[in-house]
């Protein structure tokens, strides 16, 4: 399998065993999805497990989270890696592993495990592959961050971006990068991003 093109100008490829953009110190857009699209990520135990996994991985392998949104069955994030470092795949593997251990320890239930998953010792918590896109320039980065923040609106979870609590949108408003009223259903109708997930 190779790259899958979803959007004009955006190249999204699977995170494991595929050609990856190796840009040391680069900024990347990611989509990571739960196994069987199980709607668990906004539940308090899952949010806590994910928050702790991010803390631990960032302590060992620093990176900045420029933007993030957590939805019931997936998350989008924009990260910038440290200068000289291009290894986001190890970070994602560690995040998924730590989250899975904590999630299952809190009584979280995994999805169906195929024979292949059982043979490989994989749990039924995350999809095997995620998607990444190396942000090419400031305009591309803004497009990715806007998409990420508008994602709860895209999925019909809210009518206004500001109404979704699990999003870095609120931090970006405090920093003056967005107006609090940015993003309504009217602005995002006719979604060019529909095939991104």
C-alpha atoms as a PDB file:
ATOM      1  CA  UNK A   1       0.000   0.000   0.000  1.00  0.00           C
ATOM      2  CA  UNK A   2       1.170   3.501  -0.681  1.00  0.00           C
ATOM      3  CA  UNK A   3      -0.002   7.007  -0.064  1.00  0.00           C
ATOM      4  CA  UNK A   4      -3.678   7.849  -0.284  1.00  0.00           C
ATOM      5  CA  UNK A   5      -4.529  11.255  -1.634  1.00  0.00           C
ATOM      6  CA  UNK A   6      -7.603  12.746  -0.003  1.00  0.00           C
ATOM      7  CA  UNK A   7      -7.361  16.439  -0.721  1.00  0.00           C
ATOM      8  CA  UNK A   8      -5.825  18.514  -3.452  1.00  0.00           C
ATOM      9  CA  UNK A   9      -2.367  19.419  -2.268  1.00  0.00           C
ATOM     10  CA  UNK A  10      -2.544  17.340   0.920  1.00  0.00           C
ATOM     11  CA  UNK A  11      -0.821  13.981   1.010  1.00  0.00           C
ATOM     12  CA  UNK A  12      -2.067  11.754   3.809  1.00  0.00           C
ATOM     13  CA  UNK A  13      -0.240   8.492   4.344  1.00  0.00           C
ATOM     14  CA  UNK A  14      -0.592   5.746   6.888  1.00  0.00           C
ATOM     15  CA  UNK A  15       1.623   6.186   9.935  1.00  0.00           C
ATOM     16  CA  UNK A  16       3.065   2.647  10.083  1.00  0.00           C
ATOM     17  CA  UNK A  17       5.246   0.964   7.445  1.00  0.00           C
ATOM     18  CA  UNK A  18       4.611   3.500   4.731  1.00  0.00           C
ATOM     19  CA  UNK A  19       6.590   6.267   3.121  1.00  0.00           C
ATOM     20  CA  UNK A  20       6.709   9.060   5.644  1.00  0.00           C
ATOM     21  CA  UNK A  21       7.711  12.649   5.458  1.00  0.00           C
ATOM     22  CA  UNK A  22      10.991  12.736   7.369  1.00  0.00           C
ATOM     23  CA  UNK A  23      11.323  16.408   8.169  1.00  0.00           C
ATOM     24  CA  UNK A  24      13.444  17.059  11.222  1.00  0.00           C
ATOM     25  CA  UNK A  25      11.782  19.741  13.320  1.00  0.00           C
ATOM     26  CA  UNK A  26       8.747  19.594  11.033  1.00  0.00           C
ATOM     27  CA  UNK A  27       5.132  20.407  11.748  1.00  0.00           C
ATOM     28  CA  UNK A  28       2.616  17.654  11.032  1.00  0.00           C
ATOM     29  CA  UNK A  29      -1.149  17.192  10.966  1.00  0.00           C
ATOM     30  CA  UNK A  30      -2.370  13.800  12.285  1.00  0.00           C
ATOM     31  CA  UNK A  31      -5.611  11.851  12.420  1.00  0.00           C
ATOM     32  CA  UNK A  32      -5.781   8.883  14.800  1.00  0.00           C
ATOM     33  CA  UNK A  33      -8.938   6.756  15.025  1.00  0.00           C
ATOM     34  CA  UNK A  34     -10.221   4.249  17.568  1.00  0.00           C
ATOM     35  CA  UNK A  35     -10.627   0.612  16.576  1.00  0.00           C
ATOM     36  CA  UNK A  36     -14.065   0.012  15.037  1.00  0.00           C
ATOM     37  CA  UNK A  37     -14.682   3.736  15.536  1.00  0.00           C
ATOM     38  CA  UNK A  38     -15.650   3.054  19.134  1.00  0.00           C
ATOM     39  CA  UNK A  39     -16.973   6.273  20.678  1.00  0.00           C
ATOM     40  CA  UNK A  40     -14.931   6.385  23.872  1.00  0.00           C
ATOM     41  CA  UNK A  41     -12.378   9.199  23.663  1.00  0.00           C
ATOM     42  CA  UNK A  42     -14.453  11.955  25.279  1.00  0.00           C
ATOM     43  CA  UNK A  43     -15.439   9.798  28.274  1.00  0.00           C
ATOM     44  CA  UNK A  44     -13.689  10.989  31.462  1.00  0.00           C
ATOM     45  CA  UNK A  45     -11.543   7.835  31.965  1.00  0.00           C
ATOM     46  CA  UNK A  46     -10.363   7.954  28.349  1.00  0.00           C
ATOM     47  CA  UNK A  47      -9.583  11.683  28.505  1.00  0.00           C
ATOM     48  CA  UNK A  48      -7.586  11.128  31.683  1.00  0.00           C
ATOM     49  CA  UNK A  49      -5.677   8.196  30.189  1.00  0.00           C
ATOM     50  CA  UNK A  50      -4.893  10.178  27.048  1.00  0.00           C
ATOM     51  CA  UNK A  51      -3.808  13.269  28.980  1.00  0.00           C
ATOM     52  CA  UNK A  52      -1.423  11.179  31.115  1.00  0.00           C
ATOM     53  CA  UNK A  53      -0.055   9.364  28.051  1.00  0.00           C
ATOM     54  CA  UNK A  54       0.711  12.704  26.388  1.00  0.00           C
ATOM     55  CA  UNK A  55       2.488  13.945  29.537  1.00  0.00           C
ATOM     56  CA  UNK A  56       4.656  10.849  29.787  1.00  0.00           C
ATOM     57  CA  UNK A  57       5.610  10.693  26.128  1.00  0.00           C
ATOM     58  CA  UNK A  58       6.358  14.420  25.964  1.00  0.00           C
ATOM     59  CA  UNK A  59       8.582  14.104  29.047  1.00  0.00           C
ATOM     60  CA  UNK A  60      10.664  11.423  27.303  1.00  0.00           C
ATOM     61  CA  UNK A  61      10.426  12.674  23.724  1.00  0.00           C
ATOM     62  CA  UNK A  62       9.483  16.366  23.643  1.00  0.00           C
ATOM     63  CA  UNK A  63       7.231  17.859  20.985  1.00  0.00           C
ATOM     64  CA  UNK A  64       4.792  20.743  20.952  1.00  0.00           C
ATOM     65  CA  UNK A  65       1.078  20.247  20.488  1.00  0.00           C
ATOM     66  CA  UNK A  66       0.173  23.242  18.357  1.00  0.00           C
ATOM     67  CA  UNK A  67      -3.489  22.260  18.044  1.00  0.00           C
ATOM     68  CA  UNK A  68      -5.645  19.299  19.027  1.00  0.00           C
ATOM     69  CA  UNK A  69      -9.278  18.263  19.041  1.00  0.00           C
ATOM     70  CA  UNK A  70     -10.690  15.181  20.705  1.00  0.00           C
ATOM     71  CA  UNK A  71     -13.853  13.652  19.256  1.00  0.00           C
ATOM     72  CA  UNK A  72     -15.697  10.529  20.415  1.00  0.00           C
ATOM     73  CA  UNK A  73     -13.972   8.159  17.971  1.00  0.00           C
ATOM     74  CA  UNK A  74     -10.901  10.019  16.704  1.00  0.00           C
ATOM     75  CA  UNK A  75      -8.576  12.891  17.317  1.00  0.00           C
ATOM     76  CA  UNK A  76      -6.730  15.362  15.149  1.00  0.00           C
ATOM     77  CA  UNK A  77      -3.520  17.011  16.222  1.00  0.00           C
ATOM     78  CA  UNK A  78      -0.861  19.321  14.853  1.00  0.00           C
ATOM     79  CA  UNK A  79       2.577  18.746  16.338  1.00  0.00           C
ATOM     80  CA  UNK A  80       5.940  20.392  15.855  1.00  0.00           C
ATOM     81  CA  UNK A  81       8.930  18.176  16.534  1.00  0.00           C
ATOM     82  CA  UNK A  82      12.192  19.409  18.030  1.00  0.00           C
ATOM     83  CA  UNK A  83      14.956  20.594  15.765  1.00  0.00           C
ATOM     84  CA  UNK A  84      16.834  17.624  14.339  1.00  0.00           C
ATOM     85  CA  UNK A  85      14.060  15.126  15.216  1.00  0.00           C
ATOM     86  CA  UNK A  86      11.665  13.559  12.696  1.00  0.00           C
ATOM     87  CA  UNK A  87      10.400  10.557  14.689  1.00  0.00           C
ATOM     88  CA  UNK A  88       6.693  11.086  15.245  1.00  0.00           C
ATOM     89  CA  UNK A  89       5.846   7.417  14.663  1.00  0.00           C
ATOM     90  CA  UNK A  90       7.588   6.288  17.882  1.00  0.00           C
ATOM     91  CA  UNK A  91       5.736   8.982  19.800  1.00  0.00           C
ATOM     92  CA  UNK A  92       2.377   7.828  18.429  1.00  0.00           C
ATOM     93  CA  UNK A  93       3.190   4.186  19.171  1.00  0.00           C
ATOM     94  CA  UNK A  94       4.080   5.077  22.769  1.00  0.00           C
ATOM     95  CA  UNK A  95       0.981   7.265  23.169  1.00  0.00           C
ATOM     96  CA  UNK A  96      -1.299   4.516  21.916  1.00  0.00           C
ATOM     97  CA  UNK A  97       0.375   1.892  24.108  1.00  0.00           C
ATOM     98  CA  UNK A  98       0.221   3.977  27.292  1.00  0.00           C
ATOM     99  CA  UNK A  99      -3.362   5.022  26.607  1.00  0.00           C
ATOM    100  CA  UNK A 100      -4.404   1.414  25.948  1.00  0.00           C
ATOM    101  CA  UNK A 101      -2.893   0.136  29.213  1.00  0.00           C
ATOM    102  CA  UNK A 102      -4.551   2.866  31.264  1.00  0.00           C
ATOM    103  CA  UNK A 103      -7.860   2.672  29.417  1.00  0.00           C
ATOM    104  CA  UNK A 104      -8.161  -1.075  29.914  1.00  0.00           C
ATOM    105  CA  UNK A 105      -7.060  -0.742  33.572  1.00  0.00           C
ATOM    106  CA  UNK A 106      -9.972   1.681  34.209  1.00  0.00           C
ATOM    107  CA  UNK A 107     -12.437  -0.889  32.893  1.00  0.00           C
ATOM    108  CA  UNK A 108     -12.423   0.324  29.297  1.00  0.00           C
ATOM    109  CA  UNK A 109     -13.563  -2.282  26.823  1.00  0.00           C
ATOM    110  CA  UNK A 110     -11.705  -3.019  23.633  1.00  0.00           C
ATOM    111  CA  UNK A 111     -13.228  -3.919  20.296  1.00  0.00           C
ATOM    112  CA  UNK A 112     -13.100  -7.213  18.484  1.00  0.00           C
ATOM    113  CA  UNK A 113      -9.581  -8.577  18.057  1.00  0.00           C
ATOM    114  CA  UNK A 114      -8.948 -10.369  14.787  1.00  0.00           C
ATOM    115  CA  UNK A 115      -6.707 -13.418  14.602  1.00  0.00           C
ATOM    116  CA  UNK A 116      -4.019 -11.159  13.142  1.00  0.00           C
ATOM    117  CA  UNK A 117      -4.294  -8.751  16.086  1.00  0.00           C
ATOM    118  CA  UNK A 118      -4.141 -11.599  18.592  1.00  0.00           C
ATOM    119  CA  UNK A 119      -1.078 -13.126  16.909  1.00  0.00           C
ATOM    120  CA  UNK A 120       0.694  -9.755  16.957  1.00  0.00           C
ATOM    121  CA  UNK A 121      -0.350  -9.034  20.554  1.00  0.00           C
ATOM    122  CA  UNK A 122      -2.356  -5.977  19.475  1.00  0.00           C
ATOM    123  CA  UNK A 123      -5.290  -4.794  21.496  1.00  0.00           C
ATOM    124  CA  UNK A 124      -8.585  -3.693  19.959  1.00  0.00           C
ATOM    125  CA  UNK A 125      -8.392  -0.047  21.024  1.00  0.00           C
ATOM    126  CA  UNK A 126      -6.850   1.887  18.093  1.00  0.00           C
ATOM    127  CA  UNK A 127      -6.924   1.478  14.346  1.00  0.00           C
ATOM    128  CA  UNK A 128      -3.555   0.249  13.175  1.00  0.00           C
ATOM    129  CA  UNK A 129      -2.990   3.183  10.896  1.00  0.00           C
ATOM    130  CA  UNK A 130      -3.340   6.879  11.324  1.00  0.00           C
ATOM    131  CA  UNK A 131      -2.749   9.626   8.817  1.00  0.00           C
ATOM    132  CA  UNK A 132      -0.092  12.279   8.677  1.00  0.00           C
ATOM    133  CA  UNK A 133       0.500  15.309   6.573  1.00  0.00           C
ATOM    134  CA  UNK A 134       3.630  17.447   6.665  1.00  0.00           C
ATOM    135  CA  UNK A 135       2.592  21.096   6.761  1.00  0.00           C
ATOM    136  CA  UNK A 136       4.376  22.811   3.863  1.00  0.00           C
ATOM    137  CA  UNK A 137       4.043  26.449   4.863  1.00  0.00           C
ATOM    138  CA  UNK A 138       2.064  28.838   7.064  1.00  0.00           C
ATOM    139  CA  UNK A 139      -0.995  28.790   4.784  1.00  0.00           C
ATOM    140  CA  UNK A 140      -1.057  24.978   4.817  1.00  0.00           C
ATOM    141  CA  UNK A 141      -0.632  24.953   8.597  1.00  0.00           C
ATOM    142  CA  UNK A 142      -3.530  27.399   9.027  1.00  0.00           C
ATOM    143  CA  UNK A 143      -5.723  25.274   6.768  1.00  0.00           C
ATOM    144  CA  UNK A 144      -4.957  22.178   8.875  1.00  0.00           C
ATOM    145  CA  UNK A 145      -5.540  23.961  12.194  1.00  0.00           C
ATOM    146  CA  UNK A 146      -8.814  25.467  10.930  1.00  0.00           C
ATOM    147  CA  UNK A 147      -9.974  22.032   9.771  1.00  0.00           C
ATOM    148  CA  UNK A 148      -9.036  20.493  13.106  1.00  0.00           C
ATOM    149  CA  UNK A 149     -10.911  23.132  15.104  1.00  0.00           C
ATOM    150  CA  UNK A 150     -13.979  22.935  12.847  1.00  0.00           C
ATOM    151  CA  UNK A 151     -14.114  19.140  13.044  1.00  0.00           C
ATOM    152  CA  UNK A 152     -16.761  18.891  15.823  1.00  0.00           C
ATOM    153  CA  UNK A 153     -18.942  21.132  13.662  1.00  0.00           C
ATOM    154  CA  UNK A 154     -18.280  18.952  10.606  1.00  0.00           C
ATOM    155  CA  UNK A 155     -19.506  15.885  12.502  1.00  0.00           C
ATOM    156  CA  UNK A 156     -22.665  17.650  13.714  1.00  0.00           C
ATOM    157  CA  UNK A 157     -21.626  17.596  17.373  1.00  0.00           C
ATOM    158  CA  UNK A 158     -22.098  21.363  17.801  1.00  0.00           C
ATOM    159  CA  UNK A 159     -23.443  24.332  15.850  1.00  0.00           C
ATOM    160  CA  UNK A 160     -20.527  26.593  16.809  1.00  0.00           C
ATOM    161  CA  UNK A 161     -16.861  25.656  17.182  1.00  0.00           C
ATOM    162  CA  UNK A 162     -16.660  27.341  20.595  1.00  0.00           C
ATOM    163  CA  UNK A 163     -19.284  24.941  21.992  1.00  0.00           C
ATOM    164  CA  UNK A 164     -16.989  21.887  21.780  1.00  0.00           C
ATOM    165  CA  UNK A 165     -15.041  21.608  25.063  1.00  0.00           C
ATOM    166  CA  UNK A 166     -12.234  19.216  24.025  1.00  0.00           C
ATOM    167  CA  UNK A 167     -10.381  21.435  21.613  1.00  0.00           C
ATOM    168  CA  UNK A 168      -7.362  23.724  21.571  1.00  0.00           C
ATOM    169  CA  UNK A 169      -9.658  26.269  19.904  1.00  0.00           C
ATOM    170  CA  UNK A 170     -10.248  27.851  23.325  1.00  0.00           C
ATOM    171  CA  UNK A 171      -6.492  28.314  23.893  1.00  0.00           C
ATOM    172  CA  UNK A 172      -6.152  29.838  20.413  1.00  0.00           C
ATOM    173  CA  UNK A 173      -8.979  32.288  21.219  1.00  0.00           C
ATOM    174  CA  UNK A 174      -7.185  33.316  24.437  1.00  0.00           C
ATOM    175  CA  UNK A 175      -4.012  33.869  22.394  1.00  0.00           C
ATOM    176  CA  UNK A 176      -5.949  36.113  19.981  1.00  0.00           C
ATOM    177  CA  UNK A 177      -5.558  33.764  17.000  1.00  0.00           C
ATOM    178  CA  UNK A 178      -9.319  33.310  16.571  1.00  0.00           C
ATOM    179  CA  UNK A 179     -12.376  35.339  17.402  1.00  0.00           C
ATOM    180  CA  UNK A 180     -14.601  33.398  19.833  1.00  0.00           C
ATOM    181  CA  UNK A 181     -17.417  33.438  17.242  1.00  0.00           C
ATOM    182  CA  UNK A 182     -15.280  31.876  14.483  1.00  0.00           C
ATOM    183  CA  UNK A 183     -16.726  28.799  12.861  1.00  0.00           C
ATOM    184  CA  UNK A 184     -20.401  28.141  12.468  1.00  0.00           C
ATOM    185  CA  UNK A 185     -22.271  25.494  10.492  1.00  0.00           C
ATOM    186  CA  UNK A 186     -22.998  28.070   7.771  1.00  0.00           C
ATOM    187  CA  UNK A 187     -19.274  28.699   7.174  1.00  0.00           C
ATOM    188  CA  UNK A 188     -18.394  25.008   6.766  1.00  0.00           C
ATOM    189  CA  UNK A 189     -21.274  23.719   4.681  1.00  0.00           C
ATOM    190  CA  UNK A 190     -20.186  21.826   1.549  1.00  0.00           C
ATOM    191  CA  UNK A 191     -17.176  20.199   3.190  1.00  0.00           C
ATOM    192  CA  UNK A 192     -14.141  19.840   0.928  1.00  0.00           C
ATOM    193  CA  UNK A 193     -12.540  17.813   3.738  1.00  0.00           C
ATOM    194  CA  UNK A 194     -15.133  15.053   3.849  1.00  0.00           C
ATOM    195  CA  UNK A 195     -12.725  12.305   2.793  1.00  0.00           C
ATOM    196  CA  UNK A 196      -9.978  13.240   5.295  1.00  0.00           C
ATOM    197  CA  UNK A 197     -11.120  10.726   7.882  1.00  0.00           C
END
